[in-house]
Amino acid sequence: MEALSRLVKDGPSFQLILATHPGDQTPIQLYHELVSFSPVPTTIVSKDVFTTSDMVSGADIIVEFGSSIGINGAYQSVPVVSLGFEVLFRRFEQVSGSRMSEAVKDGLSELVVADPGNLTETIRRLLTPEGFAPMLAKQQKLCPMPPERGVALRNIAEVIAKFAT
């Protein structure tokens, strides 16, 4: 919220979409309390309305940590920021064996350790063509668009067929 406050001071308008994780058990009241501090119009969206994957194509930037939404963003050429806190690094390490997500390691996302100033500057930079260009190049290299519609589905079917025989 502090980073958004700093960004809107410069004049650009934003709308924040806060998407909850499908398995999130946090009472919705806590999210409503959080967004009451938002300096921009904010909507809380649960999986019952839209999945985060469905929202990626309309996003100007994604801020996440260790979720698949960052990879979805990379495949759709959307700037991705991985916002990290020490407690998240520890939890991620317990689950994955690494403190860093693969998206950050590969340059598909940029890590910002929970600092509003750094987050503000990173968002500001990634929302410019010049600032996003290095990440976009890595996204296009590592997450290429399929050459034709249906390729991914055919590949999945072929793999399933191999295991079925």
N, C-alpha and C. Protein backbone atom coordinates (compact mmCIF):
# COMPACT_ATOMS: atom_id res chain seq x y z
N MET A 1 0.83 -1.18 0.00
CA MET A 1 0.00 0.00 0.00
C MET A 1 0.88 1.25 0.00
N GLU A 2 1.99 1.17 0.72
CA GLU A 2 2.89 2.32 0.75
C GLU A 2 3.51 2.57 -0.62
N ALA A 3 3.89 1.51 -1.32
CA ALA A 3 4.45 1.68 -2.66
C ALA A 3 3.41 2.29 -3.60
N LEU A 4 2.18 1.86 -3.50
CA LEU A 4 1.13 2.44 -4.32
C LEU A 4 0.93 3.92 -4.01
N SER A 5 0.99 4.27 -2.73
CA SER A 5 0.87 5.68 -2.34
C SER A 5 1.95 6.52 -3.01
N ARG A 6 3.16 5.99 -3.04
CA ARG A 6 4.27 6.71 -3.67
C ARG A 6 4.08 6.81 -5.18
N LEU A 7 3.56 5.76 -5.79
CA LEU A 7 3.37 5.76 -7.23
C LEU A 7 2.29 6.75 -7.67
N VAL A 8 1.18 6.81 -6.94
CA VAL A 8 0.09 7.69 -7.36
C VAL A 8 0.41 9.15 -7.11
N LYS A 9 1.38 9.45 -6.27
CA LYS A 9 1.79 10.84 -6.07
C LYS A 9 2.30 11.45 -7.36
N ASP A 10 2.88 10.63 -8.22
CA ASP A 10 3.45 11.10 -9.48
C ASP A 10 2.40 11.28 -10.57
N GLY A 11 1.17 10.92 -10.29
CA GLY A 11 0.11 11.16 -11.26
C GLY A 11 -0.51 9.96 -11.93
N PRO A 12 0.22 8.84 -12.15
CA PRO A 12 -0.45 7.74 -12.85
C PRO A 12 -1.56 7.15 -12.00
N SER A 13 -2.57 6.65 -12.66
CA SER A 13 -3.66 6.03 -11.91
C SER A 13 -3.49 4.51 -11.96
N PHE A 14 -3.89 3.88 -10.91
CA PHE A 14 -3.78 2.44 -10.78
C PHE A 14 -5.08 1.89 -10.23
N GLN A 15 -5.29 0.63 -10.49
CA GLN A 15 -6.33 -0.12 -9.82
C GLN A 15 -5.67 -1.40 -9.34
N LEU A 16 -5.85 -1.71 -8.08
CA LEU A 16 -5.26 -2.91 -7.48
C LEU A 16 -6.29 -4.02 -7.47
N ILE A 17 -5.89 -5.16 -7.98
CA ILE A 17 -6.71 -6.36 -7.89
C ILE A 17 -5.96 -7.30 -6.95
N LEU A 18 -6.56 -7.60 -5.83
CA LEU A 18 -5.96 -8.51 -4.86
C LEU A 18 -6.62 -9.87 -5.05
N ALA A 19 -5.87 -10.81 -5.57
CA ALA A 19 -6.39 -12.14 -5.84
C ALA A 19 -5.93 -13.08 -4.74
N THR A 20 -6.86 -13.75 -4.14
CA THR A 20 -6.52 -14.69 -3.06
C THR A 20 -6.12 -16.03 -3.66
N HIS A 21 -5.25 -16.72 -2.95
CA HIS A 21 -4.82 -18.06 -3.37
C HIS A 21 -6.01 -19.01 -3.23
N PRO A 22 -6.19 -19.94 -4.17
CA PRO A 22 -7.35 -20.84 -4.10
C PRO A 22 -7.46 -21.61 -2.78
N GLY A 23 -6.34 -21.93 -2.16
CA GLY A 23 -6.38 -22.68 -0.91
C GLY A 23 -6.35 -21.81 0.34
N ASP A 24 -6.42 -20.51 0.16
CA ASP A 24 -6.31 -19.56 1.27
C ASP A 24 -7.48 -19.72 2.24
N GLN A 25 -7.16 -19.85 3.50
CA GLN A 25 -8.17 -20.00 4.54
C GLN A 25 -8.34 -18.72 5.36
N THR A 26 -7.67 -17.65 4.94
CA THR A 26 -7.74 -16.38 5.67
C THR A 26 -9.15 -15.83 5.60
N PRO A 27 -9.70 -15.43 6.75
CA PRO A 27 -11.05 -14.83 6.72
C PRO A 27 -11.05 -13.58 5.85
N ILE A 28 -12.06 -13.46 5.01
CA ILE A 28 -12.15 -12.36 4.04
C ILE A 28 -12.13 -10.99 4.73
N GLN A 29 -12.57 -10.94 5.99
CA GLN A 29 -12.58 -9.66 6.72
C GLN A 29 -11.17 -9.09 6.84
N LEU A 30 -10.17 -9.95 6.98
CA LEU A 30 -8.79 -9.47 7.07
C LEU A 30 -8.35 -8.81 5.77
N TYR A 31 -8.77 -9.35 4.64
CA TYR A 31 -8.44 -8.73 3.36
C TYR A 31 -9.15 -7.39 3.22
N HIS A 32 -10.41 -7.33 3.66
CA HIS A 32 -11.14 -6.06 3.59
C HIS A 32 -10.46 -5.00 4.46
N GLU A 33 -9.97 -5.41 5.61
CA GLU A 33 -9.25 -4.46 6.48
C GLU A 33 -7.97 -3.98 5.79
N LEU A 34 -7.26 -4.90 5.17
CA LEU A 34 -6.03 -4.54 4.45
C LEU A 34 -6.31 -3.54 3.34
N VAL A 35 -7.30 -3.80 2.51
CA VAL A 35 -7.55 -2.92 1.37
C VAL A 35 -8.16 -1.59 1.80
N SER A 36 -8.62 -1.49 3.03
CA SER A 36 -9.13 -0.20 3.50
C SER A 36 -8.01 0.84 3.54
N PHE A 37 -6.76 0.39 3.54
CA PHE A 37 -5.61 1.29 3.54
C PHE A 37 -5.13 1.63 2.13
N SER A 38 -5.76 1.08 1.12
CA SER A 38 -5.30 1.27 -0.25
C SER A 38 -5.56 2.70 -0.73
N PRO A 39 -4.54 3.31 -1.34
CA PRO A 39 -4.70 4.65 -1.88
C PRO A 39 -5.33 4.67 -3.28
N VAL A 40 -5.63 3.50 -3.81
CA VAL A 40 -6.22 3.38 -5.14
C VAL A 40 -7.44 2.46 -5.06
N PRO A 41 -8.33 2.54 -6.05
CA PRO A 41 -9.46 1.61 -6.06
C PRO A 41 -8.95 0.17 -6.03
N THR A 42 -9.53 -0.62 -5.15
CA THR A 42 -9.06 -1.99 -4.94
C THR A 42 -10.23 -2.95 -4.94
N THR A 43 -10.02 -4.08 -5.58
CA THR A 43 -11.02 -5.14 -5.62
C THR A 43 -10.38 -6.43 -5.14
N ILE A 44 -11.08 -7.13 -4.28
CA ILE A 44 -10.63 -8.45 -3.85
C ILE A 44 -11.36 -9.47 -4.70
N VAL A 45 -10.60 -10.33 -5.35
CA VAL A 45 -11.19 -11.32 -6.24
C VAL A 45 -10.82 -12.71 -5.75
N SER A 46 -11.83 -13.52 -5.53
CA SER A 46 -11.59 -14.91 -5.13
C SER A 46 -11.76 -15.82 -6.32
N LYS A 47 -11.38 -17.06 -6.15
CA LYS A 47 -11.48 -18.04 -7.24
C LYS A 47 -12.91 -18.24 -7.70
N ASP A 48 -13.88 -17.88 -6.86
CA ASP A 48 -15.29 -18.02 -7.22
C ASP A 48 -15.68 -17.01 -8.31
N VAL A 49 -14.92 -15.92 -8.43
CA VAL A 49 -15.20 -14.88 -9.42
C VAL A 49 -14.35 -15.09 -10.66
N PHE A 50 -13.03 -15.05 -10.47
CA PHE A 50 -12.05 -15.28 -11.53
C PHE A 50 -10.87 -16.00 -10.92
N THR A 51 -10.24 -16.86 -11.69
CA THR A 51 -8.97 -17.41 -11.23
C THR A 51 -7.90 -16.38 -11.53
N THR A 52 -6.79 -16.44 -10.81
CA THR A 52 -5.71 -15.50 -11.09
C THR A 52 -5.20 -15.69 -12.51
N SER A 53 -5.19 -16.91 -12.99
CA SER A 53 -4.74 -17.17 -14.36
C SER A 53 -5.60 -16.44 -15.38
N ASP A 54 -6.90 -16.35 -15.12
CA ASP A 54 -7.80 -15.65 -16.03
C ASP A 54 -7.54 -14.14 -16.04
N MET A 55 -7.00 -13.62 -14.97
CA MET A 55 -6.79 -12.17 -14.86
C MET A 55 -5.46 -11.70 -15.44
N VAL A 56 -4.53 -12.61 -15.68
CA VAL A 56 -3.19 -12.23 -16.12
C VAL A 56 -3.21 -11.41 -17.41
N SER A 57 -4.02 -11.80 -18.35
CA SER A 57 -4.01 -11.13 -19.65
C SER A 57 -4.40 -9.65 -19.55
N GLY A 58 -5.11 -9.27 -18.51
CA GLY A 58 -5.49 -7.87 -18.33
C GLY A 58 -4.59 -7.10 -17.39
N ALA A 59 -3.55 -7.74 -16.87
CA ALA A 59 -2.67 -7.10 -15.89
C ALA A 59 -1.58 -6.28 -16.57
N ASP A 60 -1.27 -5.13 -15.99
CA ASP A 60 -0.13 -4.34 -16.45
C ASP A 60 1.14 -4.80 -15.76
N ILE A 61 0.99 -5.32 -14.54
CA ILE A 61 2.12 -5.82 -13.76
C ILE A 61 1.57 -6.77 -12.71
N ILE A 62 2.36 -7.77 -12.35
CA ILE A 62 1.97 -8.73 -11.32
C ILE A 62 2.97 -8.64 -10.18
N VAL A 63 2.46 -8.58 -8.96
CA VAL A 63 3.31 -8.64 -7.77
C VAL A 63 2.90 -9.89 -7.02
N GLU A 64 3.85 -10.78 -6.81
CA GLU A 64 3.57 -12.09 -6.20
C GLU A 64 4.80 -12.60 -5.48
N PHE A 65 4.70 -13.76 -4.86
CA PHE A 65 5.88 -14.45 -4.35
C PHE A 65 5.65 -15.95 -4.39
N GLY A 66 6.42 -16.62 -5.21
CA GLY A 66 6.46 -18.07 -5.23
C GLY A 66 5.20 -18.75 -5.71
N SER A 67 4.35 -18.06 -6.43
CA SER A 67 3.14 -18.71 -6.93
C SER A 67 3.26 -18.93 -8.43
N SER A 68 2.37 -19.73 -8.94
CA SER A 68 2.39 -20.02 -10.38
C SER A 68 1.96 -18.81 -11.20
N ILE A 69 1.37 -17.82 -10.59
CA ILE A 69 0.90 -16.66 -11.34
C ILE A 69 2.07 -15.91 -11.98
N GLY A 70 3.24 -15.96 -11.36
CA GLY A 70 4.42 -15.33 -11.95
C GLY A 70 4.82 -16.00 -13.25
N ILE A 71 4.73 -17.32 -13.29
CA ILE A 71 5.03 -18.06 -14.52
C ILE A 71 3.96 -17.76 -15.57
N ASN A 72 2.70 -17.70 -15.15
CA ASN A 72 1.63 -17.33 -16.09
C ASN A 72 1.91 -15.96 -16.70
N GLY A 73 2.35 -15.03 -15.88
CA GLY A 73 2.69 -13.70 -16.37
C GLY A 73 3.83 -13.74 -17.37
N ALA A 74 4.83 -14.54 -17.08
CA ALA A 74 5.98 -14.65 -17.99
C ALA A 74 5.55 -15.18 -19.35
N TYR A 75 4.66 -16.17 -19.37
CA TYR A 75 4.19 -16.72 -20.64
C TYR A 75 3.32 -15.74 -21.41
N GLN A 76 2.78 -14.74 -20.72
CA GLN A 76 1.94 -13.76 -21.40
C GLN A 76 2.64 -12.40 -21.51
N SER A 77 3.95 -12.39 -21.28
CA SER A 77 4.78 -11.18 -21.43
C SER A 77 4.30 -10.03 -20.56
N VAL A 78 4.02 -10.33 -19.30
CA VAL A 78 3.62 -9.33 -18.32
C VAL A 78 4.77 -9.16 -17.33
N PRO A 79 5.13 -7.93 -16.97
CA PRO A 79 6.16 -7.74 -15.94
C PRO A 79 5.74 -8.40 -14.62
N VAL A 80 6.70 -9.07 -13.98
CA VAL A 80 6.41 -9.77 -12.73
C VAL A 80 7.42 -9.35 -11.66
N VAL A 81 6.89 -8.97 -10.50
CA VAL A 81 7.72 -8.65 -9.34
C VAL A 81 7.43 -9.70 -8.28
N SER A 82 8.47 -10.30 -7.76
CA SER A 82 8.32 -11.23 -6.64
C SER A 82 8.68 -10.46 -5.38
N LEU A 83 7.68 -10.22 -4.56
CA LEU A 83 7.85 -9.45 -3.33
C LEU A 83 8.14 -10.42 -2.19
N GLY A 84 9.30 -10.29 -1.58
CA GLY A 84 9.70 -11.26 -0.57
C GLY A 84 9.82 -10.68 0.82
N PHE A 85 9.45 -11.48 1.77
CA PHE A 85 9.61 -11.21 3.19
C PHE A 85 10.36 -12.41 3.77
N GLU A 86 11.10 -12.21 4.82
CA GLU A 86 11.88 -13.30 5.39
C GLU A 86 11.02 -14.51 5.73
N VAL A 87 9.84 -14.29 6.27
CA VAL A 87 8.97 -15.42 6.61
C VAL A 87 8.57 -16.19 5.35
N LEU A 88 8.38 -15.49 4.23
CA LEU A 88 8.06 -16.18 2.98
C LEU A 88 9.25 -16.95 2.44
N PHE A 89 10.45 -16.36 2.56
CA PHE A 89 11.65 -17.08 2.12
C PHE A 89 11.81 -18.38 2.89
N ARG A 90 11.59 -18.32 4.19
CA ARG A 90 11.73 -19.54 5.02
C ARG A 90 10.69 -20.58 4.63
N ARG A 91 9.46 -20.15 4.46
CA ARG A 91 8.38 -21.07 4.11
C ARG A 91 8.63 -21.68 2.73
N PHE A 92 9.04 -20.85 1.79
CA PHE A 92 9.32 -21.32 0.45
C PHE A 92 10.44 -22.35 0.47
N GLU A 93 11.45 -22.11 1.29
CA GLU A 93 12.57 -23.05 1.40
C GLU A 93 12.11 -24.38 1.99
N GLN A 94 11.21 -24.35 2.95
CA GLN A 94 10.68 -25.59 3.53
C GLN A 94 9.94 -26.41 2.48
N VAL A 95 9.19 -25.74 1.64
CA VAL A 95 8.37 -26.42 0.64
C VAL A 95 9.19 -26.85 -0.57
N SER A 96 10.06 -25.96 -1.07
CA SER A 96 10.74 -26.22 -2.34
C SER A 96 12.21 -26.59 -2.22
N GLY A 97 12.79 -26.34 -1.04
CA GLY A 97 14.22 -26.62 -0.87
C GLY A 97 15.10 -25.45 -1.27
N SER A 98 14.50 -24.36 -1.73
CA SER A 98 15.25 -23.18 -2.14
C SER A 98 14.56 -21.94 -1.59
N ARG A 99 15.34 -20.91 -1.30
CA ARG A 99 14.75 -19.66 -0.83
C ARG A 99 14.26 -18.79 -1.99
N MET A 100 14.64 -19.15 -3.17
CA MET A 100 14.34 -18.34 -4.34
C MET A 100 13.51 -19.14 -5.33
N SER A 101 12.52 -18.51 -5.91
CA SER A 101 11.70 -19.19 -6.91
C SER A 101 12.49 -19.35 -8.21
N GLU A 102 12.10 -20.30 -8.99
CA GLU A 102 12.74 -20.54 -10.28
C GLU A 102 12.54 -19.33 -11.20
N ALA A 103 11.37 -18.69 -11.11
CA ALA A 103 11.09 -17.52 -11.95
C ALA A 103 12.10 -16.40 -11.68
N VAL A 104 12.45 -16.19 -10.41
CA VAL A 104 13.44 -15.16 -10.08
C VAL A 104 14.82 -15.59 -10.56
N LYS A 105 15.18 -16.85 -10.31
CA LYS A 105 16.49 -17.35 -10.74
C LYS A 105 16.68 -17.21 -12.24
N ASP A 106 15.60 -17.44 -13.00
CA ASP A 106 15.68 -17.40 -14.46
C ASP A 106 15.50 -16.00 -15.04
N GLY A 107 15.19 -15.03 -14.20
CA GLY A 107 15.00 -13.66 -14.68
C GLY A 107 13.62 -13.38 -15.26
N LEU A 108 12.68 -14.30 -15.02
CA LEU A 108 11.31 -14.11 -15.48
C LEU A 108 10.54 -13.16 -14.57
N SER A 109 11.09 -12.97 -13.38
CA SER A 109 10.51 -12.10 -12.37
C SER A 109 11.66 -11.41 -11.66
N GLU A 110 11.37 -10.24 -11.10
CA GLU A 110 12.40 -9.52 -10.36
C GLU A 110 12.07 -9.52 -8.88
N LEU A 111 13.03 -9.93 -8.06
CA LEU A 111 12.83 -9.97 -6.61
C LEU A 111 12.99 -8.59 -6.00
N VAL A 112 12.05 -8.24 -5.16
CA VAL A 112 12.15 -7.03 -4.34
C VAL A 112 11.91 -7.48 -2.91
N VAL A 113 12.92 -7.34 -2.07
CA VAL A 113 12.76 -7.68 -0.66
C VAL A 113 11.98 -6.54 -0.03
N ALA A 114 10.92 -6.90 0.64
CA ALA A 114 9.92 -6.00 1.23
C ALA A 114 10.44 -4.63 1.64
N ASP A 115 10.53 -3.75 0.68
CA ASP A 115 10.92 -2.37 0.93
C ASP A 115 10.08 -1.50 0.00
N PRO A 116 9.23 -0.64 0.57
CA PRO A 116 8.33 0.16 -0.27
C PRO A 116 9.05 1.02 -1.30
N GLY A 117 10.19 1.59 -0.94
CA GLY A 117 10.93 2.42 -1.90
C GLY A 117 11.42 1.62 -3.08
N ASN A 118 12.02 0.45 -2.81
CA ASN A 118 12.50 -0.40 -3.90
C ASN A 118 11.35 -0.93 -4.75
N LEU A 119 10.25 -1.27 -4.09
CA LEU A 119 9.09 -1.76 -4.83
C LEU A 119 8.54 -0.66 -5.74
N THR A 120 8.45 0.55 -5.23
CA THR A 120 7.97 1.68 -6.03
C THR A 120 8.83 1.86 -7.28
N GLU A 121 10.14 1.90 -7.09
CA GLU A 121 11.05 2.11 -8.21
C GLU A 121 11.03 0.95 -9.20
N THR A 122 10.92 -0.26 -8.69
CA THR A 122 10.88 -1.44 -9.58
C THR A 122 9.61 -1.42 -10.42
N ILE A 123 8.48 -1.14 -9.81
CA ILE A 123 7.22 -1.07 -10.56
C ILE A 123 7.31 0.05 -11.60
N ARG A 124 7.77 1.21 -11.18
CA ARG A 124 7.89 2.35 -12.09
C ARG A 124 8.76 1.98 -13.30
N ARG A 125 9.89 1.33 -13.06
CA ARG A 125 10.82 0.95 -14.14
C ARG A 125 10.20 -0.11 -15.05
N LEU A 126 9.59 -1.15 -14.46
CA LEU A 126 9.05 -2.25 -15.26
C LEU A 126 7.83 -1.84 -16.08
N LEU A 127 7.20 -0.74 -15.73
CA LEU A 127 6.06 -0.26 -16.51
C LEU A 127 6.48 0.60 -17.70
N THR A 128 7.79 0.71 -17.91
CA THR A 128 8.29 1.40 -19.10
C THR A 128 8.84 0.36 -20.08
N PRO A 129 8.73 0.62 -21.37
CA PRO A 129 9.27 -0.34 -22.34
C PRO A 129 10.77 -0.62 -22.13
N GLU A 130 11.55 0.43 -21.84
CA GLU A 130 12.99 0.25 -21.65
C GLU A 130 13.28 -0.55 -20.38
N GLY A 131 12.53 -0.29 -19.34
CA GLY A 131 12.77 -0.99 -18.07
C GLY A 131 12.35 -2.44 -18.11
N PHE A 132 11.32 -2.75 -18.89
CA PHE A 132 10.82 -4.11 -18.99
C PHE A 132 11.59 -4.95 -20.01
N ALA A 133 12.29 -4.30 -20.93
CA ALA A 133 12.94 -4.99 -22.05
C ALA A 133 13.83 -6.17 -21.64
N PRO A 134 14.71 -6.03 -20.64
CA PRO A 134 15.55 -7.19 -20.28
C PRO A 134 14.73 -8.39 -19.77
N MET A 135 13.71 -8.13 -18.96
CA MET A 135 12.86 -9.22 -18.46
C MET A 135 12.06 -9.82 -19.61
N LEU A 136 11.52 -8.99 -20.46
CA LEU A 136 10.74 -9.47 -21.60
C LEU A 136 11.58 -10.38 -22.48
N ALA A 137 12.84 -10.02 -22.71
CA ALA A 137 13.72 -10.86 -23.53
C ALA A 137 13.88 -12.24 -22.90
N LYS A 138 14.05 -12.29 -21.58
CA LYS A 138 14.19 -13.59 -20.90
C LYS A 138 12.88 -14.37 -20.95
N GLN A 139 11.75 -13.66 -20.78
CA GLN A 139 10.45 -14.32 -20.83
C GLN A 139 10.23 -14.93 -22.22
N GLN A 140 10.55 -14.18 -23.26
CA GLN A 140 10.34 -14.68 -24.63
C GLN A 140 11.27 -15.84 -24.96
N LYS A 141 12.46 -15.82 -24.39
CA LYS A 141 13.40 -16.92 -24.63
C LYS A 141 12.99 -18.19 -23.90
N LEU A 142 12.63 -18.05 -22.61
CA LEU A 142 12.34 -19.22 -21.79
C LEU A 142 10.88 -19.66 -21.82
N CYS A 143 9.99 -18.78 -22.25
CA CYS A 143 8.56 -19.08 -22.27
C CYS A 143 7.98 -18.74 -23.63
N PRO A 144 8.47 -19.39 -24.68
CA PRO A 144 8.01 -19.03 -26.03
C PRO A 144 6.55 -19.41 -26.25
N MET A 145 5.91 -18.64 -27.10
CA MET A 145 4.55 -18.97 -27.51
C MET A 145 4.61 -20.22 -28.38
N PRO A 146 3.63 -21.13 -28.24
CA PRO A 146 3.62 -22.31 -29.11
C PRO A 146 3.50 -21.88 -30.57
N PRO A 147 4.09 -22.64 -31.49
CA PRO A 147 4.07 -22.25 -32.90
C PRO A 147 2.66 -22.24 -33.50
N GLU A 148 1.77 -23.04 -32.93
CA GLU A 148 0.40 -23.05 -33.44
C GLU A 148 -0.55 -23.44 -32.31
N ARG A 149 -1.79 -23.08 -32.47
CA ARG A 149 -2.82 -23.38 -31.47
C ARG A 149 -2.98 -24.89 -31.33
N GLY A 150 -3.06 -25.37 -30.09
CA GLY A 150 -3.29 -26.78 -29.82
C GLY A 150 -2.05 -27.61 -29.61
N VAL A 151 -0.86 -27.01 -29.79
CA VAL A 151 0.39 -27.77 -29.64
C VAL A 151 0.54 -28.31 -28.23
N ALA A 152 0.30 -27.48 -27.24
CA ALA A 152 0.46 -27.91 -25.85
C ALA A 152 -0.48 -29.06 -25.52
N LEU A 153 -1.72 -28.96 -25.97
CA LEU A 153 -2.69 -30.01 -25.72
C LEU A 153 -2.27 -31.32 -26.39
N ARG A 154 -1.79 -31.25 -27.61
CA ARG A 154 -1.31 -32.46 -28.31
C ARG A 154 -0.12 -33.07 -27.57
N ASN A 155 0.80 -32.23 -27.10
CA ASN A 155 1.97 -32.74 -26.36
C ASN A 155 1.53 -33.45 -25.09
N ILE A 156 0.57 -32.88 -24.39
CA ILE A 156 0.06 -33.51 -23.16
C ILE A 156 -0.58 -34.85 -23.50
N ALA A 157 -1.38 -34.88 -24.55
CA ALA A 157 -2.04 -36.12 -24.95
C ALA A 157 -1.02 -37.20 -25.33
N GLU A 158 0.05 -36.81 -26.02
CA GLU A 158 1.09 -37.76 -26.40
C GLU A 158 1.78 -38.37 -25.17
N VAL A 159 2.07 -37.53 -24.19
CA VAL A 159 2.72 -38.02 -22.96
C VAL A 159 1.79 -38.97 -22.22
N ILE A 160 0.53 -38.62 -22.12
CA ILE A 160 -0.45 -39.48 -21.44
C ILE A 160 -0.58 -40.80 -22.18
N ALA A 161 -0.60 -40.75 -23.50
CA ALA A 161 -0.70 -41.97 -24.30
C ALA A 161 0.50 -42.89 -24.07
N LYS A 162 1.69 -42.33 -23.92
CA LYS A 162 2.89 -43.14 -23.68
C LYS A 162 2.78 -43.88 -22.35
N PHE A 163 2.24 -43.21 -21.33
CA PHE A 163 2.11 -43.85 -20.02
C PHE A 163 0.96 -44.86 -20.00
N ALA A 164 -0.02 -44.70 -20.85
CA ALA A 164 -1.18 -45.58 -20.88
C ALA A 164 -0.86 -46.90 -21.57
N THR A 165 0.19 -46.94 -22.35
CA THR A 165 0.51 -48.18 -23.08
C THR A 165 1.51 -49.01 -22.33
